[in-house]
Amino acid sequence: MTQKPRLLIRSRSDLMRIVVVLAAGHSIILGVLLIASPHWLLGLWGWRALCDTFFLQQVGIFHILLGVFYYWEWQTRSGVFVLLLAKTSAFIFLVLQTIFREPQLGAMFAGAFDGAIAAIIWWLHRTEAQVSRKAASPR
């Protein structure tokens, strides 16, 4: 008899965990690249580095910390506040940069990515909370 394949995603909570892990991993990888090769990374997306490497590497450290906090908050509290706050803030900032400054491919792509992650996390968190409330309410 054949065995049924194990599903990676069996619930909204599983999907949320996967999205949080991917967002955290993305931030950590981006942070490492900003520390290791900031000018290459910025040039790849059409930005010019108008400041010293130190400040770009400092941004890398903050990306690593954000990634760690995304994962830590999810693991310890099943929370997504830090992730939602960071991704929504990044989305707003990058959209404004695209509107009021010379549009750059990197800003448009990063803004769309951050906005999509924020929307997915918000939707998953909201629907998971609704399911939990329904399960807890007396019938």
C-alpha atoms as a PDB file:
ATOM      1  CA  MET A   1       0.000   0.000   0.000  1.00  0.00           C
ATOM      2  CA  THR A   2       1.310   3.451  -0.855  1.00  0.00           C
ATOM      3  CA  GLN A   3       1.933   5.932   1.872  1.00  0.00           C
ATOM      4  CA  LYS A   4       0.310   9.359   1.653  1.00  0.00           C
ATOM      5  CA  PRO A   5       2.820  12.177   1.179  1.00  0.00           C
ATOM      6  CA  ARG A   6       3.317  14.374   4.222  1.00  0.00           C
ATOM      7  CA  LEU A   7       2.102  17.867   3.625  1.00  0.00           C
ATOM      8  CA  LEU A   8       4.376  20.734   4.568  1.00  0.00           C
ATOM      9  CA  ILE A   9       1.380  23.019   5.050  1.00  0.00           C
ATOM     10  CA  ARG A  10      -1.537  21.594   7.008  1.00  0.00           C
ATOM     11  CA  SER A  11      -2.856  24.780   8.576  1.00  0.00           C
ATOM     12  CA  ARG A  12      -2.667  28.568   8.457  1.00  0.00           C
ATOM     13  CA  SER A  13      -0.206  28.370  11.323  1.00  0.00           C
ATOM     14  CA  ASP A  14       2.112  26.208   9.193  1.00  0.00           C
ATOM     15  CA  LEU A  15       1.849  28.689   6.327  1.00  0.00           C
ATOM     16  CA  MET A  16       2.498  31.600   8.704  1.00  0.00           C
ATOM     17  CA  ARG A  17       5.602  29.845  10.059  1.00  0.00           C
ATOM     18  CA  ILE A  18       6.921  29.332   6.524  1.00  0.00           C
ATOM     19  CA  VAL A  19       6.345  32.981   5.552  1.00  0.00           C
ATOM     20  CA  VAL A  20       7.968  34.231   8.783  1.00  0.00           C
ATOM     21  CA  VAL A  21      10.991  31.958   8.259  1.00  0.00           C
ATOM     22  CA  LEU A  22      11.334  33.117   4.631  1.00  0.00           C
ATOM     23  CA  ALA A  23      11.041  36.797   5.633  1.00  0.00           C
ATOM     24  CA  ALA A  24      13.581  36.327   8.434  1.00  0.00           C
ATOM     25  CA  GLY A  25      15.952  34.454   6.144  1.00  0.00           C
ATOM     26  CA  HIS A  26      15.621  37.124   3.465  1.00  0.00           C
ATOM     27  CA  SER A  27      16.497  39.877   5.949  1.00  0.00           C
ATOM     28  CA  ILE A  28      19.467  37.957   7.337  1.00  0.00           C
ATOM     29  CA  ILE A  29      20.855  37.161   3.876  1.00  0.00           C
ATOM     30  CA  LEU A  30      20.372  40.765   2.775  1.00  0.00           C
ATOM     31  CA  GLY A  31      22.147  41.928   5.931  1.00  0.00           C
ATOM     32  CA  VAL A  32      25.105  39.621   5.340  1.00  0.00           C
ATOM     33  CA  LEU A  33      25.389  40.838   1.731  1.00  0.00           C
ATOM     34  CA  LEU A  34      25.262  44.464   2.885  1.00  0.00           C
ATOM     35  CA  ILE A  35      28.107  43.791   5.275  1.00  0.00           C
ATOM     36  CA  ALA A  36      30.215  41.709   2.876  1.00  0.00           C
ATOM     37  CA  SER A  37      29.715  43.618  -0.376  1.00  0.00           C
ATOM     38  CA  PRO A  38      27.487  46.679   0.013  1.00  0.00           C
ATOM     39  CA  HIS A  39      28.506  48.515  -3.172  1.00  0.00           C
ATOM     40  CA  TRP A  40      28.003  45.416  -5.335  1.00  0.00           C
ATOM     41  CA  LEU A  41      24.562  44.784  -3.827  1.00  0.00           C
ATOM     42  CA  LEU A  42      23.391  48.367  -4.287  1.00  0.00           C
ATOM     43  CA  GLY A  43      24.758  48.508  -7.823  1.00  0.00           C
ATOM     44  CA  LEU A  44      22.916  45.308  -8.670  1.00  0.00           C
ATOM     45  CA  TRP A  45      19.596  47.101  -8.101  1.00  0.00           C
ATOM     46  CA  GLY A  46      20.549  50.455  -9.611  1.00  0.00           C
ATOM     47  CA  TRP A  47      21.430  52.418  -6.482  1.00  0.00           C
ATOM     48  CA  ARG A  48      24.560  54.485  -6.109  1.00  0.00           C
ATOM     49  CA  ALA A  49      26.256  54.433  -2.733  1.00  0.00           C
ATOM     50  CA  LEU A  50      26.547  58.069  -1.706  1.00  0.00           C
ATOM     51  CA  CYS A  51      27.968  57.355   1.712  1.00  0.00           C
ATOM     52  CA  ASP A  52      30.806  55.561   3.400  1.00  0.00           C
ATOM     53  CA  THR A  53      30.783  51.750   3.523  1.00  0.00           C
ATOM     54  CA  PHE A  54      30.397  51.929   7.317  1.00  0.00           C
ATOM     55  CA  PHE A  55      26.806  53.185   7.060  1.00  0.00           C
ATOM     56  CA  LEU A  56      25.860  50.543   4.501  1.00  0.00           C
ATOM     57  CA  GLN A  57      27.304  47.840   6.725  1.00  0.00           C
ATOM     58  CA  GLN A  58      25.397  49.292   9.668  1.00  0.00           C
ATOM     59  CA  VAL A  59      22.209  48.829   7.623  1.00  0.00           C
ATOM     60  CA  GLY A  60      23.315  45.226   7.154  1.00  0.00           C
ATOM     61  CA  ILE A  61      23.537  44.707  10.920  1.00  0.00           C
ATOM     62  CA  PHE A  62      20.025  46.120  11.339  1.00  0.00           C
ATOM     63  CA  HIS A  63      18.685  43.763   8.665  1.00  0.00           C
ATOM     64  CA  ILE A  64      20.237  40.811  10.472  1.00  0.00           C
ATOM     65  CA  LEU A  65      18.732  41.955  13.781  1.00  0.00           C
ATOM     66  CA  LEU A  66      15.308  42.386  12.192  1.00  0.00           C
ATOM     67  CA  GLY A  67      15.457  38.885  10.748  1.00  0.00           C
ATOM     68  CA  VAL A  68      16.410  37.458  14.133  1.00  0.00           C
ATOM     69  CA  PHE A  69      13.605  39.386  15.842  1.00  0.00           C
ATOM     70  CA  TYR A  70      11.007  38.247  13.271  1.00  0.00           C
ATOM     71  CA  TYR A  71      11.861  34.642  13.986  1.00  0.00           C
ATOM     72  CA  TRP A  72      12.268  35.107  17.759  1.00  0.00           C
ATOM     73  CA  GLU A  73       8.897  36.837  18.133  1.00  0.00           C
ATOM     74  CA  TRP A  74       7.169  34.093  16.154  1.00  0.00           C
ATOM     75  CA  GLN A  75       8.880  31.294  18.104  1.00  0.00           C
ATOM     76  CA  THR A  76       8.363  32.769  21.582  1.00  0.00           C
ATOM     77  CA  ARG A  77       4.947  34.436  21.246  1.00  0.00           C
ATOM     78  CA  SER A  78       3.551  33.401  17.881  1.00  0.00           C
ATOM     79  CA  GLY A  79       3.668  37.142  17.248  1.00  0.00           C
ATOM     80  CA  VAL A  80       4.220  39.104  14.080  1.00  0.00           C
ATOM     81  CA  PHE A  81       4.146  42.710  15.331  1.00  0.00           C
ATOM     82  CA  VAL A  82       7.820  43.441  14.589  1.00  0.00           C
ATOM     83  CA  LEU A  83       7.557  41.903  11.121  1.00  0.00           C
ATOM     84  CA  LEU A  84       4.356  43.801  10.274  1.00  0.00           C
ATOM     85  CA  LEU A  85       5.741  47.093  11.587  1.00  0.00           C
ATOM     86  CA  ALA A  86       9.036  46.739   9.705  1.00  0.00           C
ATOM     87  CA  LYS A  87       7.538  45.556   6.399  1.00  0.00           C
ATOM     88  CA  THR A  88       4.738  48.150   6.422  1.00  0.00           C
ATOM     89  CA  SER A  89       7.212  50.933   7.256  1.00  0.00           C
ATOM     90  CA  ALA A  90       9.560  49.756   4.514  1.00  0.00           C
ATOM     91  CA  PHE A  91       6.682  49.601   2.027  1.00  0.00           C
ATOM     92  CA  ILE A  92       5.559  53.163   2.810  1.00  0.00           C
ATOM     93  CA  PHE A  93       9.112  54.509   2.698  1.00  0.00           C
ATOM     94  CA  LEU A  94       9.933  52.799  -0.603  1.00  0.00           C
ATOM     95  CA  VAL A  95       6.670  53.864  -2.265  1.00  0.00           C
ATOM     96  CA  LEU A  96       7.343  57.466  -1.230  1.00  0.00           C
ATOM     97  CA  GLN A  97      10.920  57.191  -2.524  1.00  0.00           C
ATOM     98  CA  THR A  98       9.610  55.932  -5.849  1.00  0.00           C
ATOM     99  CA  ILE A  99       7.013  58.737  -6.094  1.00  0.00           C
ATOM    100  CA  PHE A 100       9.077  61.714  -4.937  1.00  0.00           C
ATOM    101  CA  ARG A 101      12.541  60.763  -6.173  1.00  0.00           C
ATOM    102  CA  GLU A 102      13.866  59.310  -9.366  1.00  0.00           C
ATOM    103  CA  PRO A 103      12.191  55.881  -9.648  1.00  0.00           C
ATOM    104  CA  GLN A 104      14.680  53.049  -9.340  1.00  0.00           C
ATOM    105  CA  LEU A 105      14.130  49.385 -10.057  1.00  0.00           C
ATOM    106  CA  GLY A 106      15.460  48.394  -6.635  1.00  0.00           C
ATOM    107  CA  ALA A 107      13.080  50.673  -4.724  1.00  0.00           C
ATOM    108  CA  MET A 108      10.080  49.527  -6.751  1.00  0.00           C
ATOM    109  CA  PHE A 109      10.921  45.839  -6.386  1.00  0.00           C
ATOM    110  CA  ALA A 110      11.754  46.093  -2.668  1.00  0.00           C
ATOM    111  CA  GLY A 111       8.590  48.100  -2.004  1.00  0.00           C
ATOM    112  CA  ALA A 112       6.416  45.569  -3.805  1.00  0.00           C
ATOM    113  CA  PHE A 113       8.116  42.691  -1.945  1.00  0.00           C
ATOM    114  CA  ASP A 114       7.784  44.322   1.481  1.00  0.00           C
ATOM    115  CA  GLY A 115       4.173  45.285   0.820  1.00  0.00           C
ATOM    116  CA  ALA A 116       3.308  41.752  -0.321  1.00  0.00           C
ATOM    117  CA  ILE A 117       4.933  40.176   2.746  1.00  0.00           C
ATOM    118  CA  ALA A 118       3.123  42.615   5.060  1.00  0.00           C
ATOM    119  CA  ALA A 119      -0.227  41.902   3.369  1.00  0.00           C
ATOM    120  CA  ILE A 120       0.251  38.125   3.511  1.00  0.00           C
ATOM    121  CA  ILE A 121       1.303  38.172   7.165  1.00  0.00           C
ATOM    122  CA  TRP A 122      -1.569  40.513   8.107  1.00  0.00           C
ATOM    123  CA  TRP A 123      -4.106  38.311   6.307  1.00  0.00           C
ATOM    124  CA  LEU A 124      -2.784  35.078   7.813  1.00  0.00           C
ATOM    125  CA  HIS A 125      -2.639  36.572  11.308  1.00  0.00           C
ATOM    126  CA  ARG A 126      -6.135  38.021  10.992  1.00  0.00           C
ATOM    127  CA  THR A 127      -7.732  34.815   9.684  1.00  0.00           C
ATOM    128  CA  GLU A 128      -5.885  32.699  12.260  1.00  0.00           C
ATOM    129  CA  ALA A 129      -7.208  34.955  15.045  1.00  0.00           C
ATOM    130  CA  GLN A 130     -10.757  34.634  13.673  1.00  0.00           C
ATOM    131  CA  VAL A 131     -10.483  30.841  13.607  1.00  0.00           C
ATOM    132  CA  SER A 132      -9.152  30.853  17.189  1.00  0.00           C
ATOM    133  CA  ARG A 133     -12.020  33.078  18.397  1.00  0.00           C
ATOM    134  CA  LYS A 134     -14.604  30.844  16.751  1.00  0.00           C
ATOM    135  CA  ALA A 135     -13.059  27.754  18.326  1.00  0.00           C
ATOM    136  CA  ALA A 136     -13.012  29.388  21.774  1.00  0.00           C
ATOM    137  CA  SER A 137     -16.577  30.735  21.695  1.00  0.00           C
ATOM    138  CA  PRO A 138     -19.270  28.603  23.366  1.00  0.00           C
ATOM    139  CA  ARG A 139     -21.742  26.998  20.997  1.00  0.00           C
END
